[in-house]
Amino acid sequence: MNSLFDPDLELVEQLLTLLRQSPDGLSEHQLIHLLKSGHCTHIPNLPLRDRLVLFRTHFLVFNALYRLRDHLWAEQSAHLEINPLLIRLLPYRDGAQGLVEHDALRAYYLDETHLRDTSEADVEHLLQSFWTRMHHGEEQQAALELFGLDARTDYPAIRLRYRQLVSQHHPDRGGSTTRLQSINKAMEILDRYYNPR
């Protein structure tokens, strides 16, 4: 992967470059790490330990991802899957993967007043709200979607799908370490929901 970004490139173009170089997709964490290591000037060059810096970095990346998704869809060249565990380019398919008429997340991230007006106290509240929602199934849903399954799936079917995906994407068989890490993370999440100890 490129280690330095052309500062004249917009963040959308830099993200597209990274995603094209990673056909199996990347997590948000991996995208941010690659942007920072490539000296991207569009995101804060500050430690992510500061919650407000983390929020602003996250917001800028997701704002650019949703703008990129809209652009790719408009030119019918690709579909950008934006998932908490995996962000990847997919082939464009008319209708089947069409953008929904009202996508609340898209609306939030494309409204740049959220970036400007969000305070440190707001970020703290958002984080608490996020973890509450995550414990009520959004994390589970994201992991199931990564596996191509739905909420009616039972644990044996999840384990079978996990083994299939690991076999398919294992680096020893030409797969991607990045994709395998996402699959393993999704299985950790699903284990908590379907196989409590």
Protein backbone atom coordinates (compact mmCIF):
# COMPACT_ATOMS: atom_id res chain seq x y z
CA MET A 1 0.00 0.00 0.00
CA ASN A 2 1.08 3.58 -0.55
CA SER A 3 2.82 5.08 2.47
CA LEU A 4 2.24 8.72 1.53
CA PHE A 5 -0.87 10.38 0.13
CA ASP A 6 -0.83 13.19 -2.39
CA PRO A 7 -2.08 16.14 -0.29
CA ASP A 8 -3.99 17.42 -3.32
CA LEU A 9 -6.25 14.34 -3.26
CA GLU A 10 -9.54 14.71 -1.40
CA LEU A 11 -10.24 12.30 1.48
CA VAL A 12 -12.83 10.54 -0.71
CA GLU A 13 -10.13 9.82 -3.31
CA GLN A 14 -7.68 8.61 -0.68
CA LEU A 15 -10.28 6.23 0.75
CA LEU A 16 -11.09 4.94 -2.73
CA THR A 17 -7.38 4.25 -3.31
CA LEU A 18 -7.13 2.27 -0.06
CA LEU A 19 -10.31 0.29 -0.74
CA ARG A 20 -9.21 -0.58 -4.28
CA GLN A 21 -5.94 -1.88 -2.84
CA SER A 22 -7.87 -4.04 -0.35
CA PRO A 23 -10.49 -6.04 -2.29
CA ASP A 24 -11.42 -8.02 0.83
CA GLY A 25 -12.23 -4.79 2.64
CA LEU A 26 -10.94 -2.98 5.70
CA SER A 27 -12.31 -2.16 9.13
CA GLU A 28 -12.72 1.47 10.15
CA HIS A 29 -9.75 1.07 12.51
CA GLN A 30 -7.58 -0.22 9.66
CA LEU A 31 -8.68 2.62 7.36
CA ILE A 32 -7.83 5.26 9.96
CA HIS A 33 -4.47 3.61 10.67
CA LEU A 34 -3.60 3.58 6.96
CA LEU A 35 -4.68 7.20 6.53
CA LYS A 36 -2.58 8.31 9.52
CA SER A 37 0.46 6.26 8.47
CA GLY A 38 0.13 7.74 4.97
CA HIS A 39 0.21 11.24 6.46
CA CYS A 40 -3.32 12.10 5.35
CA THR A 41 -3.88 15.82 5.99
CA HIS A 42 -7.70 15.53 5.99
CA ILE A 43 -7.98 13.96 9.45
CA PRO A 44 -6.53 15.21 12.76
CA ASN A 45 -2.90 14.27 13.31
CA LEU A 46 -3.52 13.84 17.04
CA PRO A 47 -3.72 10.80 19.33
CA LEU A 48 -7.08 9.03 19.22
CA ARG A 49 -7.07 8.67 23.01
CA ASP A 50 -8.82 12.04 23.14
CA ARG A 51 -12.51 11.24 22.64
CA LEU A 52 -13.28 14.43 20.75
CA VAL A 53 -10.37 13.78 18.36
CA LEU A 54 -11.61 10.20 17.93
CA PHE A 55 -15.15 11.43 17.19
CA ARG A 56 -13.96 14.02 14.68
CA THR A 57 -11.70 11.50 12.91
CA HIS A 58 -14.54 8.96 12.80
CA PHE A 59 -16.99 11.57 11.53
CA LEU A 60 -14.68 12.82 8.77
CA VAL A 61 -14.00 9.27 7.56
CA PHE A 62 -17.68 8.28 7.54
CA ASN A 63 -18.73 11.56 5.91
CA ALA A 64 -16.24 10.80 3.10
CA LEU A 65 -17.36 7.15 2.88
CA TYR A 66 -21.01 8.11 2.42
CA ARG A 67 -20.08 10.74 -0.18
CA LEU A 68 -17.97 8.13 -1.96
CA ARG A 69 -20.82 5.60 -1.86
CA ASP A 70 -23.21 8.14 -3.38
CA HIS A 71 -20.68 9.03 -6.11
CA LEU A 72 -19.96 5.40 -7.03
CA TRP A 73 -23.67 4.62 -7.10
CA ALA A 74 -24.47 7.65 -9.29
CA GLU A 75 -21.86 6.65 -11.86
CA GLN A 76 -22.93 2.98 -11.57
CA SER A 77 -19.34 1.84 -11.12
CA ALA A 78 -19.45 0.09 -7.73
CA HIS A 79 -21.34 -0.37 -4.48
CA LEU A 80 -19.60 0.62 -1.25
CA GLU A 81 -20.58 -1.57 1.68
CA ILE A 82 -20.30 0.39 4.92
CA ASN A 83 -20.47 -1.94 7.90
CA PRO A 84 -19.03 -1.39 11.40
CA LEU A 85 -16.74 -4.39 10.96
CA LEU A 86 -16.00 -4.19 7.26
CA ILE A 87 -15.90 -1.48 4.59
CA ARG A 88 -15.41 -2.76 1.04
CA LEU A 89 -16.06 -2.13 -2.61
CA LEU A 90 -18.47 -4.50 -4.33
CA PRO A 91 -19.52 -4.71 -7.97
CA TYR A 92 -22.39 -2.45 -8.96
CA ARG A 93 -25.70 -4.27 -9.39
CA ASP A 94 -28.74 -2.32 -10.48
CA GLY A 95 -31.60 -2.40 -7.99
CA ALA A 96 -30.49 -5.33 -5.83
CA GLN A 97 -28.18 -3.25 -3.69
CA GLY A 98 -29.86 0.07 -4.28
CA LEU A 99 -29.51 2.83 -1.76
CA VAL A 100 -32.46 3.08 0.57
CA GLU A 101 -34.61 6.17 0.29
CA HIS A 102 -33.97 7.28 3.88
CA ASP A 103 -30.78 6.08 5.55
CA ALA A 104 -30.53 7.69 9.00
CA LEU A 105 -26.79 7.04 9.32
CA ARG A 106 -26.11 8.55 5.91
CA ALA A 107 -28.18 11.61 6.82
CA TYR A 108 -26.28 12.01 10.10
CA TYR A 109 -22.80 11.76 8.58
CA LEU A 110 -23.59 14.01 5.62
CA ASP A 111 -24.83 16.77 7.94
CA GLU A 112 -21.55 18.52 8.76
CA THR A 113 -23.14 20.57 11.54
CA HIS A 114 -22.71 17.43 13.68
CA LEU A 115 -18.96 17.74 13.23
CA ARG A 116 -18.91 21.45 14.02
CA ASP A 117 -21.39 21.48 16.91
CA THR A 118 -20.53 18.29 18.82
CA SER A 119 -18.81 19.01 22.14
CA GLU A 120 -16.78 16.72 24.39
CA ALA A 121 -19.86 16.24 26.62
CA ASP A 122 -21.90 15.31 23.52
CA VAL A 123 -19.27 12.73 22.57
CA GLU A 124 -19.44 11.20 26.05
CA HIS A 125 -23.23 10.95 25.74
CA LEU A 126 -22.95 9.46 22.23
CA LEU A 127 -20.50 6.83 23.47
CA GLN A 128 -22.77 5.81 26.34
CA SER A 129 -25.74 5.66 23.97
CA PHE A 130 -23.68 3.66 21.45
CA TRP A 131 -22.71 1.00 23.98
CA THR A 132 -26.30 0.74 25.18
CA ARG A 133 -27.45 0.15 21.59
CA MET A 134 -24.61 -2.29 20.92
CA HIS A 135 -25.71 -4.36 23.88
CA HIS A 136 -29.18 -4.45 22.37
CA GLY A 137 -28.28 -6.16 19.14
CA GLU A 138 -26.72 -3.79 16.58
CA GLU A 139 -23.36 -5.47 17.06
CA GLN A 140 -25.03 -8.85 16.61
CA GLN A 141 -26.78 -7.68 13.44
CA ALA A 142 -23.55 -6.35 11.94
CA ALA A 143 -21.77 -9.67 12.62
CA LEU A 144 -24.65 -11.68 11.10
CA GLU A 145 -24.61 -9.46 8.00
CA LEU A 146 -20.88 -10.02 7.60
CA PHE A 147 -21.60 -13.77 7.58
CA GLY A 148 -24.52 -13.31 5.16
CA LEU A 149 -26.97 -14.63 7.77
CA ASP A 150 -30.06 -13.28 9.54
CA ALA A 151 -31.35 -13.25 13.11
CA ARG A 152 -33.29 -16.52 12.65
CA THR A 153 -30.04 -18.44 12.21
CA ASP A 154 -29.14 -20.94 14.94
CA TYR A 155 -25.72 -21.47 16.49
CA PRO A 156 -24.76 -24.64 14.54
CA ALA A 157 -25.46 -22.81 11.26
CA ILE A 158 -23.34 -19.87 12.43
CA ARG A 159 -20.44 -22.21 13.31
CA LEU A 160 -20.74 -23.90 9.90
CA ARG A 161 -20.73 -20.55 8.09
CA TYR A 162 -17.75 -19.42 10.17
CA ARG A 163 -15.75 -22.53 9.18
CA GLN A 164 -16.68 -21.99 5.51
CA LEU A 165 -15.56 -18.35 5.60
CA VAL A 166 -12.31 -19.15 7.43
CA SER A 167 -11.52 -21.84 4.88
CA GLN A 168 -12.36 -19.52 1.99
CA HIS A 169 -10.42 -16.49 3.28
CA HIS A 170 -7.47 -18.07 5.09
CA PRO A 171 -4.14 -16.50 3.97
CA ASP A 172 -2.64 -19.99 3.50
CA ARG A 173 -5.21 -20.47 0.72
CA GLY A 174 -4.65 -17.10 -0.92
CA GLY A 175 -7.11 -15.20 1.26
CA SER A 176 -6.68 -11.95 3.15
CA THR A 177 -5.46 -11.60 6.73
CA THR A 178 -7.63 -8.49 7.04
CA ARG A 179 -10.76 -10.32 5.98
CA LEU A 180 -9.94 -13.25 8.26
CA GLN A 181 -9.55 -10.87 11.21
CA SER A 182 -13.00 -9.41 10.50
CA ILE A 183 -14.50 -12.91 10.32
CA ASN A 184 -12.88 -13.88 13.63
CA LYS A 185 -14.12 -10.67 15.29
CA ALA A 186 -17.65 -11.31 14.03
CA MET A 187 -17.50 -14.86 15.43
CA GLU A 188 -16.40 -13.54 18.83
CA ILE A 189 -19.45 -11.28 18.83
CA LEU A 190 -21.83 -14.05 17.75
CA ASP A 191 -20.38 -16.42 20.35
CA ARG A 192 -21.43 -13.97 23.04
CA TYR A 193 -25.02 -13.92 21.77
CA TYR A 194 -25.54 -17.53 20.72
CA ASN A 195 -23.20 -19.54 22.94
CA PRO A 196 -23.25 -17.93 26.40
CA ARG A 197 -20.95 -19.61 28.89
